[in-house]
Amino acid sequence: MSPIQYIAEKDLISLLEKRDRRAFNYLYDNYSDALYGVVLRIVSYRQYADEVIQNVFVNIWDKMPQFDPQKGRLYTWMINIARHAAIDYIKSKTVQNEQKNQSLPEIVNNTENHQFFVKEHEKKSDYIGIEDVIRGLKPEWRLLIQMAYYEGYTQQEIADRLALPLGTVKTRIRAALLELKVILNEYR
């Protein structure tokens, strides 16, 4: 079997639903860097991100029959799977205990490594231009989207950190997502 050079999203979805392994390899080759970048921004540690990204692709494979193209794009659906997996991972008791038990030099070294890997994956992960789309949002919307989707904060945590009412955070995130939807539909 030769590797697939290019495949349209609707064809990719169809092949994945049929459990085509070449399509899955194509999916991994073309989307893993972008998804890894999302995961790494949330979990902050490369060793954790490596573990989470494996689970993300297993989840994508397992949940492919549940994907509905009428509700959104494949990329957006996969980003949500990656984001939720990363958030679940960092909130797990095992990870929290490991982080509490690290010595200071390990934390410093991991932070330096995190910055290097985030920068490397940002270069690779933005080939669809999503960062440019997000930069087009109002500054207060952009901050909320970055905190919620790239840094893994819950809406309550965002409200607490920014000293905003929870309702305001929810309203602004919803408005930002609606604006992103319009922009991305124009992008298609």
Protein backbone atom coordinates (compact mmCIF):
# COMPACT_ATOMS: atom_id res chain seq x y z
CA MET A 1 0.00 0.00 0.00
CA SER A 2 1.38 3.37 -0.97
CA PRO A 3 0.81 6.44 1.21
CA ILE A 4 -2.01 8.81 0.27
CA GLN A 5 -0.69 12.14 -1.09
CA TYR A 6 -3.80 14.33 -0.66
CA ILE A 7 -7.35 13.60 0.31
CA ALA A 8 -10.36 15.92 0.64
CA GLU A 9 -11.95 16.14 4.09
CA LYS A 10 -15.23 14.49 3.07
CA ASP A 11 -13.33 11.59 1.46
CA LEU A 12 -11.10 11.29 4.50
CA ILE A 13 -14.15 11.08 6.76
CA SER A 14 -15.67 8.39 4.57
CA LEU A 15 -12.46 6.33 4.59
CA LEU A 16 -12.06 6.70 8.35
CA GLU A 17 -15.62 5.54 8.90
CA LYS A 18 -14.71 2.45 6.85
CA ARG A 19 -11.70 1.94 9.19
CA ASP A 20 -9.17 2.47 6.40
CA ARG A 21 -5.69 2.35 7.98
CA ARG A 22 -4.06 4.38 5.19
CA ALA A 23 -6.57 7.15 5.87
CA PHE A 24 -5.73 6.98 9.58
CA ASN A 25 -2.01 7.24 8.74
CA TYR A 26 -2.80 10.23 6.53
CA LEU A 27 -4.79 11.78 9.37
CA TYR A 28 -1.88 11.28 11.78
CA ASP A 29 0.74 12.57 9.32
CA ASN A 30 -1.25 15.71 8.52
CA TYR A 31 -2.84 16.60 11.87
CA SER A 32 -0.61 15.23 14.63
CA ASP A 33 1.59 18.34 14.89
CA ALA A 34 -1.40 20.66 15.22
CA LEU A 35 -3.07 18.44 17.82
CA TYR A 36 0.21 17.94 19.66
CA GLY A 37 0.60 21.72 19.87
CA VAL A 38 -2.84 22.04 21.48
CA VAL A 39 -2.09 19.25 23.96
CA LEU A 40 1.36 20.60 24.82
CA ARG A 41 0.02 24.07 25.55
CA ILE A 42 -2.37 22.57 28.09
CA VAL A 43 -0.26 19.87 29.78
CA SER A 44 3.03 21.83 29.56
CA TYR A 45 5.27 18.77 29.75
CA ARG A 46 6.48 16.84 26.74
CA GLN A 47 6.35 13.44 28.46
CA TYR A 48 2.68 14.03 29.36
CA ALA A 49 1.86 15.43 25.92
CA ASP A 50 3.31 12.32 24.25
CA GLU A 51 1.06 10.12 26.35
CA VAL A 52 -2.02 12.27 25.79
CA ILE A 53 -1.57 12.49 22.01
CA GLN A 54 -1.54 8.70 21.76
CA ASN A 55 -4.85 8.60 23.61
CA VAL A 56 -6.21 11.37 21.39
CA PHE A 57 -5.64 9.37 18.21
CA VAL A 58 -7.06 6.22 19.77
CA ASN A 59 -10.16 8.25 20.73
CA ILE A 60 -10.45 9.70 17.25
CA TRP A 61 -10.27 6.21 15.74
CA ASP A 62 -12.78 4.80 18.23
CA LYS A 63 -15.20 7.72 18.05
CA MET A 64 -15.11 8.22 14.28
CA PRO A 65 -18.59 6.67 13.83
CA GLN A 66 -19.94 9.42 16.12
CA PHE A 67 -18.54 12.27 14.02
CA ASP A 68 -21.25 14.33 12.30
CA PRO A 69 -19.99 16.57 9.48
CA GLN A 70 -23.24 18.56 9.72
CA LYS A 71 -22.19 19.79 13.17
CA GLY A 72 -18.71 20.97 12.21
CA ARG A 73 -15.42 20.25 10.55
CA LEU A 74 -13.28 17.22 11.27
CA TYR A 75 -10.37 19.40 12.42
CA THR A 76 -12.53 21.23 14.98
CA TRP A 77 -13.91 17.94 16.28
CA MET A 78 -10.38 16.54 16.67
CA ILE A 79 -9.17 19.72 18.43
CA ASN A 80 -11.98 19.31 20.95
CA ILE A 81 -11.04 15.68 21.55
CA ALA A 82 -7.40 16.73 22.07
CA ARG A 83 -8.33 19.61 24.34
CA HIS A 84 -10.64 17.53 26.52
CA ALA A 85 -8.09 14.70 26.75
CA ALA A 86 -5.38 17.14 27.83
CA ILE A 87 -7.61 18.81 30.42
CA ASP A 88 -8.72 15.43 31.79
CA TYR A 89 -5.10 14.36 31.99
CA ILE A 90 -3.85 17.38 33.94
CA LYS A 91 -6.78 17.15 36.33
CA SER A 92 -6.08 13.51 37.07
CA LYS A 93 -4.82 12.87 40.60
CA THR A 94 -1.76 10.96 39.39
CA VAL A 95 -0.46 13.90 37.38
CA GLN A 96 -1.23 16.39 40.13
CA ASN A 97 0.69 14.25 42.62
CA GLU A 98 3.65 13.86 40.26
CA GLN A 99 3.82 17.62 39.77
CA LYS A 100 3.69 18.27 43.51
CA ASN A 101 6.53 15.82 44.09
CA GLN A 102 8.94 17.29 41.55
CA SER A 103 12.00 19.04 42.87
CA LEU A 104 12.58 22.66 41.90
CA PRO A 105 15.37 21.96 39.37
CA GLU A 106 13.10 19.47 37.53
CA ILE A 107 10.31 22.05 37.33
CA VAL A 108 12.69 24.71 35.98
CA ASN A 109 14.11 22.35 33.37
CA ASN A 110 10.65 21.20 32.30
CA THR A 111 9.49 24.80 31.92
CA GLU A 112 12.45 25.53 29.66
CA ASN A 113 11.75 22.40 27.64
CA HIS A 114 8.08 23.33 27.44
CA GLN A 115 8.88 26.73 25.91
CA PHE A 116 11.17 25.13 23.31
CA PHE A 117 8.64 22.48 22.30
CA VAL A 118 5.70 24.89 22.23
CA LYS A 119 7.65 27.16 19.87
CA GLU A 120 8.65 24.23 17.65
CA HIS A 121 5.11 22.89 17.45
CA GLU A 122 3.60 26.34 16.94
CA LYS A 123 5.69 26.57 13.77
CA LYS A 124 4.37 23.23 12.54
CA SER A 125 0.86 23.25 13.97
CA ASP A 126 -0.52 26.34 12.31
CA TYR A 127 -0.46 25.33 8.69
CA ILE A 128 -4.19 25.98 8.37
CA GLY A 129 -3.78 29.56 9.69
CA ILE A 130 -5.95 29.26 12.79
CA GLU A 131 -3.64 31.58 14.73
CA ASP A 132 -4.25 34.30 12.13
CA VAL A 133 -7.99 33.77 12.42
CA ILE A 134 -7.85 34.04 16.22
CA ARG A 135 -5.70 37.18 15.97
CA GLY A 136 -8.57 38.74 14.03
CA LEU A 137 -10.88 38.54 17.04
CA LYS A 138 -11.42 41.40 19.48
CA PRO A 139 -8.59 41.37 22.07
CA GLU A 140 -10.90 40.40 24.96
CA TRP A 141 -12.35 37.52 22.91
CA ARG A 142 -8.90 36.39 21.74
CA LEU A 143 -7.64 36.20 25.33
CA LEU A 144 -10.61 34.09 26.40
CA ILE A 145 -10.25 31.69 23.45
CA GLN A 146 -6.54 31.31 24.12
CA MET A 147 -7.11 30.63 27.81
CA ALA A 148 -9.98 28.19 27.21
CA TYR A 149 -8.72 26.28 24.18
CA TYR A 150 -4.95 26.57 24.27
CA GLU A 151 -4.24 26.76 27.98
CA GLY A 152 -7.03 24.49 29.20
CA TYR A 153 -8.74 26.80 31.69
CA THR A 154 -12.38 26.22 32.54
CA GLN A 155 -14.78 29.14 32.25
CA GLN A 156 -14.87 29.45 36.03
CA GLU A 157 -11.05 29.53 36.22
CA ILE A 158 -10.96 32.23 33.53
CA ALA A 159 -13.53 34.28 35.43
CA ASP A 160 -11.48 33.96 38.62
CA ARG A 161 -8.16 34.82 36.96
CA LEU A 162 -9.53 37.83 35.06
CA ALA A 163 -11.83 38.99 37.88
CA LEU A 164 -14.84 38.89 35.56
CA PRO A 165 -18.33 37.59 36.27
CA LEU A 166 -18.80 34.03 35.03
CA GLY A 167 -21.74 35.13 32.86
CA THR A 168 -19.54 37.67 31.09
CA VAL A 169 -16.91 35.04 30.36
CA LYS A 170 -19.54 32.64 28.99
CA THR A 171 -21.13 35.36 26.83
CA ARG A 172 -17.81 36.51 25.40
CA ILE A 173 -16.59 32.98 24.66
CA ARG A 174 -19.86 32.19 22.91
CA ALA A 175 -19.65 35.40 20.87
CA ALA A 176 -16.03 34.62 19.97
CA LEU A 177 -16.92 31.08 18.88
CA LEU A 178 -19.79 32.36 16.75
CA GLU A 179 -17.44 34.86 15.11
CA LEU A 180 -14.85 32.12 14.52
CA LYS A 181 -17.55 29.97 12.94
CA VAL A 182 -18.41 32.77 10.49
CA ILE A 183 -14.75 33.36 9.67
CA LEU A 184 -13.99 29.66 9.20
CA ASN A 185 -17.07 29.17 6.99
CA GLU A 186 -15.75 31.98 4.79
CA TYR A 187 -12.34 30.25 4.85
CA ARG A 188 -13.83 27.04 3.40
